[in-house]
């Protein structure tokens, strides 16, 4: 079952279509996955941080688990969004998870993650080894 937790409408967005959504999306490997849809930027980053806090509140249920974050429908990511991803990884590891695994990034998001990894801006709780480019892995480091 997929449950949408928060959308950009929750921030008072005036558009008919939400610019960003954080959806609870269990995966085959974890019941605690997230799916990000739309644009993760300065305006929407607080939604991801809030969803991370809610998920981190599940503490014991996360113990020893990796939390997948599906980026297949994320069309845009900026430095504020990257900071929010790093913050969520910290929240979840403090709650007992082993970290987060980024999966299925779109091309624009993959480009930013590749550059951020090369510059050392991917936090230690984030595993992006599943993300690949034609030249190889998108991220140099992982958890």
Protein backbone atom coordinates (compact mmCIF):
# COMPACT_ATOMS: atom_id res chain seq x y z
CA UNK A 1 0.00 0.00 0.00
CA UNK A 2 1.30 3.44 -0.90
CA UNK A 3 0.48 6.40 1.29
CA UNK A 4 1.32 9.97 0.35
CA UNK A 5 2.54 11.70 3.47
CA UNK A 6 3.26 15.20 2.37
CA UNK A 7 2.95 17.24 -0.80
CA UNK A 8 3.88 20.78 -1.74
CA UNK A 9 0.17 21.63 -1.27
CA UNK A 10 0.88 21.24 2.45
CA UNK A 11 3.13 24.30 2.13
CA UNK A 12 0.34 26.32 0.52
CA UNK A 13 1.35 25.80 -3.12
CA UNK A 14 -1.19 27.35 -5.45
CA UNK A 15 -0.80 24.91 -8.35
CA UNK A 16 -3.22 22.11 -9.17
CA UNK A 17 -0.39 19.58 -9.38
CA UNK A 18 1.95 19.21 -6.41
CA UNK A 19 5.52 20.20 -7.17
CA UNK A 20 6.88 17.64 -4.70
CA UNK A 21 5.59 14.56 -2.90
CA UNK A 22 7.07 12.24 -0.30
CA UNK A 23 5.34 8.90 -0.50
CA UNK A 24 5.71 5.88 1.75
CA UNK A 25 6.72 3.18 -0.69
CA UNK A 26 7.61 -0.23 0.70
CA UNK A 27 10.07 -2.11 -1.48
CA UNK A 28 10.83 -5.82 -1.79
CA UNK A 29 13.72 -5.37 0.67
CA UNK A 30 12.15 -3.01 3.21
CA UNK A 31 8.72 -2.02 4.46
CA UNK A 32 10.09 1.43 5.25
CA UNK A 33 10.95 2.84 1.83
CA UNK A 34 10.24 6.31 0.49
CA UNK A 35 9.48 7.53 -3.02
CA UNK A 36 10.26 11.13 -3.98
CA UNK A 37 8.24 12.69 -6.79
CA UNK A 38 8.78 16.07 -8.44
CA UNK A 39 11.28 18.74 -7.49
CA UNK A 40 13.37 18.56 -4.31
CA UNK A 41 14.73 22.04 -3.71
CA UNK A 42 14.86 24.83 -1.12
CA UNK A 43 11.06 25.12 -1.01
CA UNK A 44 10.31 21.39 -0.70
CA UNK A 45 13.29 20.15 1.34
CA UNK A 46 11.42 20.67 4.66
CA UNK A 47 8.82 18.12 3.51
CA UNK A 48 11.48 15.45 3.10
CA UNK A 49 13.03 16.36 6.46
CA UNK A 50 9.60 16.08 8.13
CA UNK A 51 8.96 12.69 6.50
CA UNK A 52 12.38 11.55 7.74
CA UNK A 53 11.45 12.55 11.29
CA UNK A 54 8.17 10.63 11.07
CA UNK A 55 9.94 7.54 9.76
CA UNK A 56 12.70 7.90 12.36
CA UNK A 57 9.96 7.87 15.00
CA UNK A 58 9.42 4.21 14.13
CA UNK A 59 12.75 3.51 15.87
CA UNK A 60 12.65 -0.17 16.80
CA UNK A 61 11.07 -1.09 13.45
CA UNK A 62 14.08 0.39 11.65
CA UNK A 63 16.70 -1.34 13.76
CA UNK A 64 19.33 -2.87 11.50
CA UNK A 65 17.40 -2.12 8.30
CA UNK A 66 18.43 -0.16 5.25
CA UNK A 67 15.81 2.36 4.04
CA UNK A 68 15.49 2.61 0.24
CA UNK A 69 14.64 5.97 -1.31
CA UNK A 70 13.26 5.68 -4.84
CA UNK A 71 14.29 8.65 -7.00
CA UNK A 72 12.74 7.38 -10.26
CA UNK A 73 10.16 10.19 -10.32
CA UNK A 74 12.35 12.95 -8.89
CA UNK A 75 12.82 15.42 -11.75
CA UNK A 76 15.02 18.00 -10.02
CA UNK A 77 17.45 18.08 -7.10
CA UNK A 78 19.48 21.05 -5.87
CA UNK A 79 21.93 21.52 -3.02
CA UNK A 80 19.11 22.11 -0.51
CA UNK A 81 17.53 18.82 -1.54
CA UNK A 82 20.88 17.07 -1.23
CA UNK A 83 21.24 18.49 2.27
CA UNK A 84 17.77 17.19 3.12
CA UNK A 85 18.73 13.70 1.86
CA UNK A 86 21.85 13.80 4.05
CA UNK A 87 19.76 15.00 7.03
CA UNK A 88 17.26 12.17 6.56
CA UNK A 89 20.11 9.65 6.45
CA UNK A 90 21.39 11.03 9.77
CA UNK A 91 17.88 10.94 11.32
CA UNK A 92 17.31 7.35 10.26
CA UNK A 93 20.73 6.05 11.35
CA UNK A 94 20.24 7.68 14.75
CA UNK A 95 16.90 5.83 14.93
CA UNK A 96 18.64 2.51 14.33
CA UNK A 97 18.60 2.07 10.55
CA UNK A 98 21.85 1.09 8.87
CA UNK A 99 21.36 3.99 6.42
CA UNK A 100 19.53 4.80 3.22
CA UNK A 101 20.00 3.46 -0.29
CA UNK A 102 19.20 5.75 -3.20
CA UNK A 103 17.68 3.90 -6.15
CA UNK A 104 16.56 4.58 -9.72
CA UNK A 105 17.59 8.22 -10.16
CA UNK A 106 16.53 10.21 -13.20
CA UNK A 107 19.29 11.57 -15.43
CA UNK A 108 19.31 15.16 -14.01
CA UNK A 109 19.32 13.87 -10.44
CA UNK A 110 22.00 11.31 -11.27
CA UNK A 111 24.20 14.09 -12.65
CA UNK A 112 23.97 16.14 -9.45
CA UNK A 113 24.59 13.09 -7.26
CA UNK A 114 27.65 12.17 -9.33
CA UNK A 115 29.09 15.69 -8.98
CA UNK A 116 28.22 15.85 -5.28
CA UNK A 117 29.89 12.49 -4.67
CA UNK A 118 33.05 13.58 -6.48
CA UNK A 119 33.15 16.68 -4.27
CA UNK A 120 32.59 14.67 -1.07
CA UNK A 121 29.07 15.98 -0.39
CA UNK A 122 27.31 12.62 -0.06
CA UNK A 123 26.91 11.84 3.62
CA UNK A 124 28.20 8.62 5.19
CA UNK A 125 24.68 7.25 5.80
CA UNK A 126 23.82 7.29 2.09
CA UNK A 127 24.53 4.36 -0.17
CA UNK A 128 24.21 5.23 -3.84
CA UNK A 129 26.19 2.32 -5.23
CA UNK A 130 23.09 1.08 -7.10
CA UNK A 131 23.08 4.25 -9.20
CA UNK A 132 25.21 3.93 -12.30
CA UNK A 133 26.19 6.06 -15.26
CA UNK A 134 27.60 4.91 -18.61
CA UNK A 135 31.05 5.62 -17.10
CA UNK A 136 30.40 3.48 -14.02
CA UNK A 137 29.07 4.05 -10.49
CA UNK A 138 27.50 7.45 -9.87
CA UNK A 139 28.87 7.72 -6.34
CA UNK A 140 32.39 7.12 -5.20
CA UNK A 141 31.43 6.34 -1.63
CA UNK A 142 28.71 4.53 0.17
CA UNK A 143 27.77 3.80 3.74
